[in-house]
């Protein structure tokens, strides 16, 4: 089995079906799906189980302990794939997403990777932000790699050699993993594919306010280290219902 797709969820009935439906349509079929759910109180589980027979293997794990890093690590330990793929639950993929990714990972001998983001929104300000954000991802891959949790590919051996996601980090744990990965393997951004992602955080908090928060986090990490407190109020499942 080539890919193990790991998805943390917390009350994601609005989005999980869209993601799983896009995964069902993949032209590349050699993958399993593992959902690690933070004991959702809505219809996340029932919606997810409608797709149970659409994949080679499907697991739905209820994990009452909180934390997106913890959820991803739980999923990784339950996986069998050669390459672990971490998705946020509010993303979507094109049908040839895995097919293109698999070819690039093999051809370019990449250990850890991700892709650029295509925002699902009509908001011009948000679209402009992600033009700049994607450019930053492109530039930083060569010296200080960044990759948001929207989509991260990581070779199985590399992931466990790194010790997985740092569960003590409450924000930018995805950046931390990717940045550490350059010390044990090759990181590069995948071309020709993009992960489509909802912009609910931007729509809830406001583009400027959230952009400012991201900048504050960036400088905090540079000067003070990783974010290990809830200083920035940014967690799994916090979204307005």
Foldseek 3Di string as FASTA:
>chain_A
DAEEEEEEAAQPPVAQLQALVQVLLAPDQPYEYEYEYLPHPDCPPVSVVVCCPSHPHYYYHYDVDFFPQVRQVVSLVVDDHQKYKFAYSRKHWHRHQVVQVVVCCVVVVFAKEWAQEDEDDPDPLVRVVSVVVRVCQQVCLVPQHADDRNIMMHGSVLCVVLVGFDRLFFPSSRSVSSRVSVVPTHYDYRPDTHMYGYPQVCVVQPVVRVVVLVVVQVVCCVPPNGHRDCPSVDHHPPGDD
